[in-house]
Amino acid sequence: MMSDMRTTLTIDDDIADFLREQSKLHEKSFKQVVNETLRRGMSPTMNDEPRRPFKVRTFKGGFAPGIDPLRLNQLNDELEVEDYLRESVS
């Protein structure tokens, strides 16, 4: 058996504005909107709409022909040596 309990609650203006807006938008009483909002907050698994599963889109991102991914560090080292030699000659 449920009984109503009257209470005084002080809430921030922005929350009160939001609840009033929801009340008008959904054509529900302020009391009903407050109670539904509190129930949703107490039960995070209760959602208005089911969530879609997260999916990762994959793509084939291979290297261009002639690029050996195992030798990328060697290529980087060679470029650094060339830059060093160019700067030391200047």
PDB file of N, CA and C in Angstrom:
ATOM      1  N   MET A   1       0.835  -1.165   0.000  1.00  0.00           N
ATOM      2  CA  MET A   1       0.000   0.000   0.000  1.00  0.00           C
ATOM      3  C   MET A   1       0.887   1.238   0.000  1.00  0.00           C
ATOM      4  N   MET A   2       0.675   2.115  -0.982  1.00  0.00           N
ATOM      5  CA  MET A   2       1.471   3.337  -1.068  1.00  0.00           C
ATOM      6  C   MET A   2       0.668   4.501  -0.522  1.00  0.00           C
ATOM      7  N   SER A   3       1.346   5.313   0.223  1.00  0.00           N
ATOM      8  CA  SER A   3       0.692   6.537   0.694  1.00  0.00           C
ATOM      9  C   SER A   3       1.574   7.709   0.313  1.00  0.00           C
ATOM     10  N   ASP A   4       0.952   8.825   0.048  1.00  0.00           N
ATOM     11  CA  ASP A   4       1.698  10.024  -0.308  1.00  0.00           C
ATOM     12  C   ASP A   4       2.288  10.663   0.936  1.00  0.00           C
ATOM     13  N   MET A   5       3.473  11.196   0.793  1.00  0.00           N
ATOM     14  CA  MET A   5       4.102  11.919   1.885  1.00  0.00           C
ATOM     15  C   MET A   5       4.362  13.336   1.395  1.00  0.00           C
ATOM     16  N   ARG A   6       3.882  14.292   2.111  1.00  0.00           N
ATOM     17  CA  ARG A   6       4.145  15.679   1.760  1.00  0.00           C
ATOM     18  C   ARG A   6       5.444  16.098   2.416  1.00  0.00           C
ATOM     19  N   THR A   7       6.248  16.809   1.640  1.00  0.00           N
ATOM     20  CA  THR A   7       7.505  17.300   2.181  1.00  0.00           C
ATOM     21  C   THR A   7       7.870  18.589   1.470  1.00  0.00           C
ATOM     22  N   THR A   8       8.690  19.367   2.108  1.00  0.00           N
ATOM     23  CA  THR A   8       9.197  20.580   1.473  1.00  0.00           C
ATOM     24  C   THR A   8      10.616  20.293   1.024  1.00  0.00           C
ATOM     25  N   LEU A   9      10.876  20.595  -0.220  1.00  0.00           N
ATOM     26  CA  LEU A   9      12.186  20.321  -0.795  1.00  0.00           C
ATOM     27  C   LEU A   9      12.688  21.578  -1.476  1.00  0.00           C
ATOM     28  N   THR A  10      13.887  21.992  -1.147  1.00  0.00           N
ATOM     29  CA  THR A  10      14.474  23.160  -1.793  1.00  0.00           C
ATOM     30  C   THR A  10      15.433  22.659  -2.869  1.00  0.00           C
ATOM     31  N   ILE A  11      15.148  23.023  -4.120  1.00  0.00           N
ATOM     32  CA  ILE A  11      15.999  22.603  -5.232  1.00  0.00           C
ATOM     33  C   ILE A  11      16.504  23.835  -5.968  1.00  0.00           C
ATOM     34  N   ASP A  12      17.582  23.660  -6.684  1.00  0.00           N
ATOM     35  CA  ASP A  12      18.174  24.763  -7.444  1.00  0.00           C
ATOM     36  C   ASP A  12      17.232  25.209  -8.551  1.00  0.00           C
ATOM     37  N   ASP A  13      17.351  26.477  -8.919  1.00  0.00           N
ATOM     38  CA  ASP A  13      16.470  27.061  -9.933  1.00  0.00           C
ATOM     39  C   ASP A  13      16.550  26.332 -11.271  1.00  0.00           C
ATOM     40  N   ASP A  14      17.761  25.964 -11.682  1.00  0.00           N
ATOM     41  CA  ASP A  14      17.896  25.311 -12.986  1.00  0.00           C
ATOM     42  C   ASP A  14      17.200  23.949 -13.007  1.00  0.00           C
ATOM     43  N   ILE A  15      17.232  23.241 -11.883  1.00  0.00           N
ATOM     44  CA  ILE A  15      16.554  21.949 -11.810  1.00  0.00           C
ATOM     45  C   ILE A  15      15.047  22.146 -11.817  1.00  0.00           C
ATOM     46  N   ALA A  16      14.570  23.130 -11.070  1.00  0.00           N
ATOM     47  CA  ALA A  16      13.134  23.421 -11.047  1.00  0.00           C
ATOM     48  C   ALA A  16      12.649  23.808 -12.442  1.00  0.00           C
ATOM     49  N   ASP A  17      13.430  24.622 -13.141  1.00  0.00           N
ATOM     50  CA  ASP A  17      13.065  25.014 -14.503  1.00  0.00           C
ATOM     51  C   ASP A  17      12.984  23.797 -15.421  1.00  0.00           C
ATOM     52  N   PHE A  18      13.963  22.916 -15.297  1.00  0.00           N
ATOM     53  CA  PHE A  18      13.976  21.707 -16.119  1.00  0.00           C
ATOM     54  C   PHE A  18      12.742  20.848 -15.837  1.00  0.00           C
ATOM     55  N   LEU A  19      12.427  20.651 -14.556  1.00  0.00           N
ATOM     56  CA  LEU A  19      11.276  19.822 -14.194  1.00  0.00           C
ATOM     57  C   LEU A  19       9.975  20.442 -14.685  1.00  0.00           C
ATOM     58  N   ARG A  20       9.837  21.751 -14.581  1.00  0.00           N
ATOM     59  CA  ARG A  20       8.637  22.429 -15.091  1.00  0.00           C
ATOM     60  C   ARG A  20       8.519  22.261 -16.598  1.00  0.00           C
ATOM     61  N   GLU A  21       9.656  22.392 -17.266  1.00  0.00           N
ATOM     62  CA  GLU A  21       9.684  22.235 -18.726  1.00  0.00           C
ATOM     63  C   GLU A  21       9.260  20.823 -19.126  1.00  0.00           C
ATOM     64  N   GLN A  22       9.776  19.819 -18.412  1.00  0.00           N
ATOM     65  CA  GLN A  22       9.414  18.433 -18.691  1.00  0.00           C
ATOM     66  C   GLN A  22       7.934  18.193 -18.419  1.00  0.00           C
ATOM     67  N   SER A  23       7.436  18.826 -17.381  1.00  0.00           N
ATOM     68  CA  SER A  23       6.027  18.699 -17.034  1.00  0.00           C
ATOM     69  C   SER A  23       5.134  19.200 -18.169  1.00  0.00           C
ATOM     70  N   LYS A  24       5.478  20.350 -18.718  1.00  0.00           N
ATOM     71  CA  LYS A  24       4.697  20.914 -19.826  1.00  0.00           C
ATOM     72  C   LYS A  24       4.876  20.095 -21.101  1.00  0.00           C
ATOM     73  N   LEU A  25       6.116  19.706 -21.368  1.00  0.00           N
ATOM     74  CA  LEU A  25       6.438  18.974 -22.584  1.00  0.00           C
ATOM     75  C   LEU A  25       5.693  17.639 -22.657  1.00  0.00           C
ATOM     76  N   HIS A  26       5.643  16.932 -21.528  1.00  0.00           N
ATOM     77  CA  HIS A  26       5.030  15.605 -21.509  1.00  0.00           C
ATOM     78  C   HIS A  26       3.597  15.621 -20.979  1.00  0.00           C
ATOM     79  N   GLU A  27       3.097  16.827 -20.718  1.00  0.00           N
ATOM     80  CA  GLU A  27       1.731  16.997 -20.210  1.00  0.00           C
ATOM     81  C   GLU A  27       1.469  16.130 -18.989  1.00  0.00           C
ATOM     82  N   LYS A  28       2.384  16.237 -18.026  1.00  0.00           N
ATOM     83  CA  LYS A  28       2.270  15.510 -16.760  1.00  0.00           C
ATOM     84  C   LYS A  28       2.320  16.530 -15.634  1.00  0.00           C
ATOM     85  N   SER A  29       1.865  16.102 -14.478  1.00  0.00           N
ATOM     86  CA  SER A  29       1.923  17.004 -13.326  1.00  0.00           C
ATOM     87  C   SER A  29       3.377  17.144 -12.866  1.00  0.00           C
ATOM     88  N   PHE A  30       3.635  18.257 -12.207  1.00  0.00           N
ATOM     89  CA  PHE A  30       4.979  18.502 -11.679  1.00  0.00           C
ATOM     90  C   PHE A  30       5.360  17.370 -10.730  1.00  0.00           C
ATOM     91  N   LYS A  31       4.435  16.977  -9.886  1.00  0.00           N
ATOM     92  CA  LYS A  31       4.676  15.899  -8.922  1.00  0.00           C
ATOM     93  C   LYS A  31       5.073  14.615  -9.646  1.00  0.00           C
ATOM     94  N   GLN A  32       4.370  14.287 -10.709  1.00  0.00           N
ATOM     95  CA  GLN A  32       4.657  13.059 -11.451  1.00  0.00           C
ATOM     96  C   GLN A  32       6.051  13.110 -12.078  1.00  0.00           C
ATOM     97  N   VAL A  33       6.406  14.247 -12.642  1.00  0.00           N
ATOM     98  CA  VAL A  33       7.726  14.387 -13.264  1.00  0.00           C
ATOM     99  C   VAL A  33       8.830  14.268 -12.207  1.00  0.00           C
ATOM    100  N   VAL A  34       8.633  14.899 -11.054  1.00  0.00           N
ATOM    101  CA  VAL A  34       9.631  14.806  -9.979  1.00  0.00           C
ATOM    102  C   VAL A  34       9.789  13.358  -9.537  1.00  0.00           C
ATOM    103  N   ASN A  35       8.675  12.660  -9.312  1.00  0.00           N
ATOM    104  CA  ASN A  35       8.751  11.264  -8.865  1.00  0.00           C
ATOM    105  C   ASN A  35       9.420  10.365  -9.896  1.00  0.00           C
ATOM    106  N   GLU A  36       9.075  10.536 -11.170  1.00  0.00           N
ATOM    107  CA  GLU A  36       9.709   9.718 -12.220  1.00  0.00           C
ATOM    108  C   GLU A  36      11.202   9.994 -12.305  1.00  0.00           C
ATOM    109  N   THR A  37      11.571  11.257 -12.182  1.00  0.00           N
ATOM    110  CA  THR A  37      12.990  11.621 -12.247  1.00  0.00           C
ATOM    111  C   THR A  37      13.754  11.020 -11.076  1.00  0.00           C
ATOM    112  N   LEU A  38      13.183  11.087  -9.888  1.00  0.00           N
ATOM    113  CA  LEU A  38      13.827  10.488  -8.712  1.00  0.00           C
ATOM    114  C   LEU A  38      13.938   8.973  -8.866  1.00  0.00           C
ATOM    115  N   ARG A  39      12.896   8.334  -9.382  1.00  0.00           N
ATOM    116  CA  ARG A  39      12.946   6.875  -9.575  1.00  0.00           C
ATOM    117  C   ARG A  39      14.045   6.490 -10.560  1.00  0.00           C
ATOM    118  N   ARG A  40      14.162   7.254 -11.656  1.00  0.00           N
ATOM    119  CA  ARG A  40      15.231   6.958 -12.630  1.00  0.00           C
ATOM    120  C   ARG A  40      16.595   7.128 -11.989  1.00  0.00           C
ATOM    121  N   GLY A  41      16.737   8.124 -11.135  1.00  0.00           N
ATOM    122  CA  GLY A  41      18.019   8.344 -10.458  1.00  0.00           C
ATOM    123  C   GLY A  41      18.362   7.241  -9.477  1.00  0.00           C
ATOM    124  N   MET A  42      17.348   6.652  -8.858  1.00  0.00           N
ATOM    125  CA  MET A  42      17.582   5.572  -7.897  1.00  0.00           C
ATOM    126  C   MET A  42      17.808   4.245  -8.591  1.00  0.00           C
ATOM    127  N   SER A  43      17.389   4.119  -9.830  1.00  0.00           N
ATOM    128  CA  SER A  43      17.515   2.875 -10.568  1.00  0.00           C
ATOM    129  C   SER A  43      18.170   3.157 -11.910  1.00  0.00           C
ATOM    130  N   PRO A  44      19.490   3.242 -11.939  1.00  0.00           N
ATOM    131  CA  PRO A  44      20.181   3.600 -13.180  1.00  0.00           C
ATOM    132  C   PRO A  44      19.934   2.637 -14.333  1.00  0.00           C
ATOM    133  N   THR A  45      19.479   1.413 -14.052  1.00  0.00           N
ATOM    134  CA  THR A  45      19.232   0.463 -15.143  1.00  0.00           C
ATOM    135  C   THR A  45      17.903   0.720 -15.831  1.00  0.00           C
ATOM    136  N   MET A  46      17.054   1.529 -15.217  1.00  0.00           N
ATOM    137  CA  MET A  46      15.756   1.838 -15.818  1.00  0.00           C
ATOM    138  C   MET A  46      15.938   2.963 -16.827  1.00  0.00           C
ATOM    139  N   ASN A  47      15.781   2.655 -18.088  1.00  0.00           N
ATOM    140  CA  ASN A  47      15.965   3.644 -19.143  1.00  0.00           C
ATOM    141  C   ASN A  47      14.672   3.809 -19.926  1.00  0.00           C
ATOM    142  N   ASP A  48      14.473   5.012 -20.472  1.00  0.00           N
ATOM    143  CA  ASP A  48      13.308   5.243 -21.315  1.00  0.00           C
ATOM    144  C   ASP A  48      13.422   4.512 -22.639  1.00  0.00           C
ATOM    145  N   GLU A  49      14.626   4.449 -23.170  1.00  0.00           N
ATOM    146  CA  GLU A  49      14.819   3.789 -24.449  1.00  0.00           C
ATOM    147  C   GLU A  49      16.032   2.867 -24.366  1.00  0.00           C
ATOM    148  N   PRO A  50      15.962   1.707 -24.980  1.00  0.00           N
ATOM    149  CA  PRO A  50      17.074   0.767 -24.909  1.00  0.00           C
ATOM    150  C   PRO A  50      18.304   1.321 -25.642  1.00  0.00           C
ATOM    151  N   ARG A  51      19.447   0.997 -25.121  1.00  0.00           N
ATOM    152  CA  ARG A  51      20.699   1.451 -25.744  1.00  0.00           C
ATOM    153  C   ARG A  51      21.107   0.469 -26.826  1.00  0.00           C
ATOM    154  N   ARG A  52      21.616   1.041 -27.904  1.00  0.00           N
ATOM    155  CA  ARG A  52      22.140   0.194 -28.974  1.00  0.00           C
ATOM    156  C   ARG A  52      23.544  -0.252 -28.596  1.00  0.00           C
ATOM    157  N   PRO A  53      23.929  -1.471 -28.936  1.00  0.00           N
ATOM    158  CA  PRO A  53      25.283  -1.933 -28.609  1.00  0.00           C
ATOM    159  C   PRO A  53      26.323  -1.118 -29.363  1.00  0.00           C
ATOM    160  N   PHE A  54      27.445  -0.909 -28.709  1.00  0.00           N
ATOM    161  CA  PHE A  54      28.547  -0.164 -29.309  1.00  0.00           C
ATOM    162  C   PHE A  54      29.256  -1.057 -30.322  1.00  0.00           C
ATOM    163  N   LYS A  55      29.448  -0.539 -31.523  1.00  0.00           N
ATOM    164  CA  LYS A  55      30.120  -1.307 -32.568  1.00  0.00           C
ATOM    165  C   LYS A  55      31.331  -0.523 -33.057  1.00  0.00           C
ATOM    166  N   VAL A  56      32.422  -1.237 -33.277  1.00  0.00           N
ATOM    167  CA  VAL A  56      33.645  -0.632 -33.801  1.00  0.00           C
ATOM    168  C   VAL A  56      33.699  -0.928 -35.293  1.00  0.00           C
ATOM    169  N   ARG A  57      33.831   0.126 -36.072  1.00  0.00           N
ATOM    170  CA  ARG A  57      33.963  -0.068 -37.515  1.00  0.00           C
ATOM    171  C   ARG A  57      35.439  -0.269 -37.837  1.00  0.00           C
ATOM    172  N   THR A  58      35.720  -1.323 -38.539  1.00  0.00           N
ATOM    173  CA  THR A  58      37.109  -1.626 -38.885  1.00  0.00           C
ATOM    174  C   THR A  58      37.363  -1.286 -40.344  1.00  0.00           C
ATOM    175  N   PHE A  59      38.614  -1.149 -40.673  1.00  0.00           N
ATOM    176  CA  PHE A  59      38.995  -0.912 -42.057  1.00  0.00           C
ATOM    177  C   PHE A  59      40.349  -1.552 -42.294  1.00  0.00           C
ATOM    178  N   LYS A  60      40.597  -1.885 -43.532  1.00  0.00           N
ATOM    179  CA  LYS A  60      41.879  -2.464 -43.898  1.00  0.00           C
ATOM    180  C   LYS A  60      42.836  -1.317 -44.158  1.00  0.00           C
ATOM    181  N   GLY A  61      43.858  -1.215 -43.357  1.00  0.00           N
ATOM    182  CA  GLY A  61      44.760  -0.069 -43.469  1.00  0.00           C
ATOM    183  C   GLY A  61      46.203  -0.489 -43.691  1.00  0.00           C
ATOM    184  N   GLY A  62      46.428  -1.370 -44.602  1.00  0.00           N
ATOM    185  CA  GLY A  62      47.778  -1.861 -44.843  1.00  0.00           C
ATOM    186  C   GLY A  62      48.732  -0.769 -45.329  1.00  0.00           C
ATOM    187  N   PHE A  63      50.008  -1.088 -45.326  1.00  0.00           N
ATOM    188  CA  PHE A  63      51.029  -0.167 -45.809  1.00  0.00           C
ATOM    189  C   PHE A  63      51.114  -0.225 -47.331  1.00  0.00           C
ATOM    190  N   ALA A  64      51.601   0.857 -47.890  1.00  0.00           N
ATOM    191  CA  ALA A  64      51.790   0.907 -49.335  1.00  0.00           C
ATOM    192  C   ALA A  64      52.829  -0.127 -49.754  1.00  0.00           C
ATOM    193  N   PRO A  65      52.733  -0.606 -50.995  1.00  0.00           N
ATOM    194  CA  PRO A  65      53.715  -1.593 -51.467  1.00  0.00           C
ATOM    195  C   PRO A  65      55.140  -1.057 -51.326  1.00  0.00           C
ATOM    196  N   GLY A  66      56.028  -1.919 -50.878  1.00  0.00           N
ATOM    197  CA  GLY A  66      57.429  -1.522 -50.717  1.00  0.00           C
ATOM    198  C   GLY A  66      57.753  -1.039 -49.313  1.00  0.00           C
ATOM    199  N   ILE A  67      56.765  -0.811 -48.447  1.00  0.00           N
ATOM    200  CA  ILE A  67      57.010  -0.371 -47.072  1.00  0.00           C
ATOM    201  C   ILE A  67      56.991  -1.600 -46.167  1.00  0.00           C
ATOM    202  N   ASP A  68      58.096  -1.821 -45.490  1.00  0.00           N
ATOM    203  CA  ASP A  68      58.198  -2.941 -44.558  1.00  0.00           C
ATOM    204  C   ASP A  68      57.941  -2.403 -43.158  1.00  0.00           C
ATOM    205  N   PRO A  69      56.797  -2.742 -42.536  1.00  0.00           N
ATOM    206  CA  PRO A  69      56.478  -2.188 -41.221  1.00  0.00           C
ATOM    207  C   PRO A  69      57.507  -2.555 -40.145  1.00  0.00           C
ATOM    208  N   LEU A  70      58.273  -3.619 -40.371  1.00  0.00           N
ATOM    209  CA  LEU A  70      59.284  -4.019 -39.398  1.00  0.00           C
ATOM    210  C   LEU A  70      60.536  -3.147 -39.491  1.00  0.00           C
ATOM    211  N   ARG A  71      60.655  -2.346 -40.554  1.00  0.00           N
ATOM    212  CA  ARG A  71      61.851  -1.526 -40.731  1.00  0.00           C
ATOM    213  C   ARG A  71      61.545  -0.033 -40.612  1.00  0.00           C
ATOM    214  N   LEU A  72      60.371   0.350 -40.078  1.00  0.00           N
ATOM    215  CA  LEU A  72      60.021   1.763 -39.971  1.00  0.00           C
ATOM    216  C   LEU A  72      60.968   2.522 -39.053  1.00  0.00           C
ATOM    217  N   ASN A  73      61.410   1.892 -37.973  1.00  0.00           N
ATOM    218  CA  ASN A  73      62.362   2.562 -37.081  1.00  0.00           C
ATOM    219  C   ASN A  73      63.701   2.796 -37.778  1.00  0.00           C
ATOM    220  N   GLN A  74      64.097   1.870 -38.604  1.00  0.00           N
ATOM    221  CA  GLN A  74      65.346   2.039 -39.348  1.00  0.00           C
ATOM    222  C   GLN A  74      65.221   3.235 -40.290  1.00  0.00           C
ATOM    223  N   LEU A  75      64.083   3.366 -40.963  1.00  0.00           N
ATOM    224  CA  LEU A  75      63.847   4.496 -41.857  1.00  0.00           C
ATOM    225  C   LEU A  75      63.900   5.802 -41.079  1.00  0.00           C
ATOM    226  N   ASN A  76      63.291   5.829 -39.903  1.00  0.00           N
ATOM    227  CA  ASN A  76      63.314   7.025 -39.070  1.00  0.00           C
ATOM    228  C   ASN A  76      64.746   7.378 -38.674  1.00  0.00           C
ATOM    229  N   ASP A  77      65.530   6.382 -38.285  1.00  0.00           N
ATOM    230  CA  ASP A  77      66.928   6.621 -37.915  1.00  0.00           C
ATOM    231  C   ASP A  77      67.713   7.205 -39.093  1.00  0.00           C
ATOM    232  N   GLU A  78      67.491   6.662 -40.271  1.00  0.00           N
ATOM    233  CA  GLU A  78      68.205   7.163 -41.448  1.00  0.00           C
ATOM    234  C   GLU A  78      67.846   8.616 -41.735  1.00  0.00           C
ATOM    235  N   LEU A  79      66.581   8.964 -41.601  1.00  0.00           N
ATOM    236  CA  LEU A  79      66.165  10.351 -41.830  1.00  0.00           C
ATOM    237  C   LEU A  79      66.763  11.291 -40.787  1.00  0.00           C
ATOM    238  N   GLU A  80      66.848  10.847 -39.540  1.00  0.00           N
ATOM    239  CA  GLU A  80      67.452  11.674 -38.494  1.00  0.00           C
ATOM    240  C   GLU A  80      68.939  11.896 -38.758  1.00  0.00           C
ATOM    241  N   VAL A  81      69.615  10.857 -39.225  1.00  0.00           N
ATOM    242  CA  VAL A  81      71.045  10.985 -39.539  1.00  0.00           C
ATOM    243  C   VAL A  81      71.245  11.986 -40.675  1.00  0.00           C
ATOM    244  N   GLU A  82      70.385  11.901 -41.695  1.00  0.00           N
ATOM    245  CA  GLU A  82      70.485  12.850 -42.813  1.00  0.00           C
ATOM    246  C   GLU A  82      70.264  14.282 -42.329  1.00  0.00           C
ATOM    247  N   ASP A  83      69.275  14.495 -41.475  1.00  0.00           N
ATOM    248  CA  ASP A  83      69.026  15.842 -40.931  1.00  0.00           C
ATOM    249  C   ASP A  83      70.214  16.329 -40.122  1.00  0.00           C
ATOM    250  N   TYR A  84      70.789  15.458 -39.309  1.00  0.00           N
ATOM    251  CA  TYR A  84      71.941  15.835 -38.481  1.00  0.00           C
ATOM    252  C   TYR A  84      73.126  16.227 -39.347  1.00  0.00           C
ATOM    253  N   LEU A  85      73.398  15.404 -40.383  1.00  0.00           N
ATOM    254  CA  LEU A  85      74.529  15.706 -41.259  1.00  0.00           C
ATOM    255  C   LEU A  85      74.309  17.023 -42.015  1.00  0.00           C
ATOM    256  N   ARG A  86      73.075  17.274 -42.446  1.00  0.00           N
ATOM    257  CA  ARG A  86      72.752  18.506 -43.162  1.00  0.00           C
ATOM    258  C   ARG A  86      72.952  19.725 -42.239  1.00  0.00           C
ATOM    259  N   GLU A  87      72.550  19.619 -40.995  1.00  0.00           N
ATOM    260  CA  GLU A  87      72.668  20.738 -40.048  1.00  0.00           C
ATOM    261  C   GLU A  87      74.120  20.959 -39.639  1.00  0.00           C
ATOM    262  N   SER A  88      74.906  19.889 -39.508  1.00  0.00           N
ATOM    263  CA  SER A  88      76.291  20.048 -39.056  1.00  0.00           C
ATOM    264  C   SER A  88      77.179  20.624 -40.150  1.00  0.00           C
ATOM    265  N   VAL A  89      76.822  20.437 -41.406  1.00  0.00           N
ATOM    266  CA  VAL A  89      77.591  20.971 -42.524  1.00  0.00           C
ATOM    267  C   VAL A  89      77.305  22.457 -42.679  1.00  0.00           C
ATOM    268  N   SER A  90      76.099  22.901 -42.368  1.00  0.00           N
ATOM    269  CA  SER A  90      75.700  24.307 -42.556  1.00  0.00           C
ATOM    270  C   SER A  90      76.438  25.222 -41.643  1.00  0.00           C
TER     271      SER A  90
END
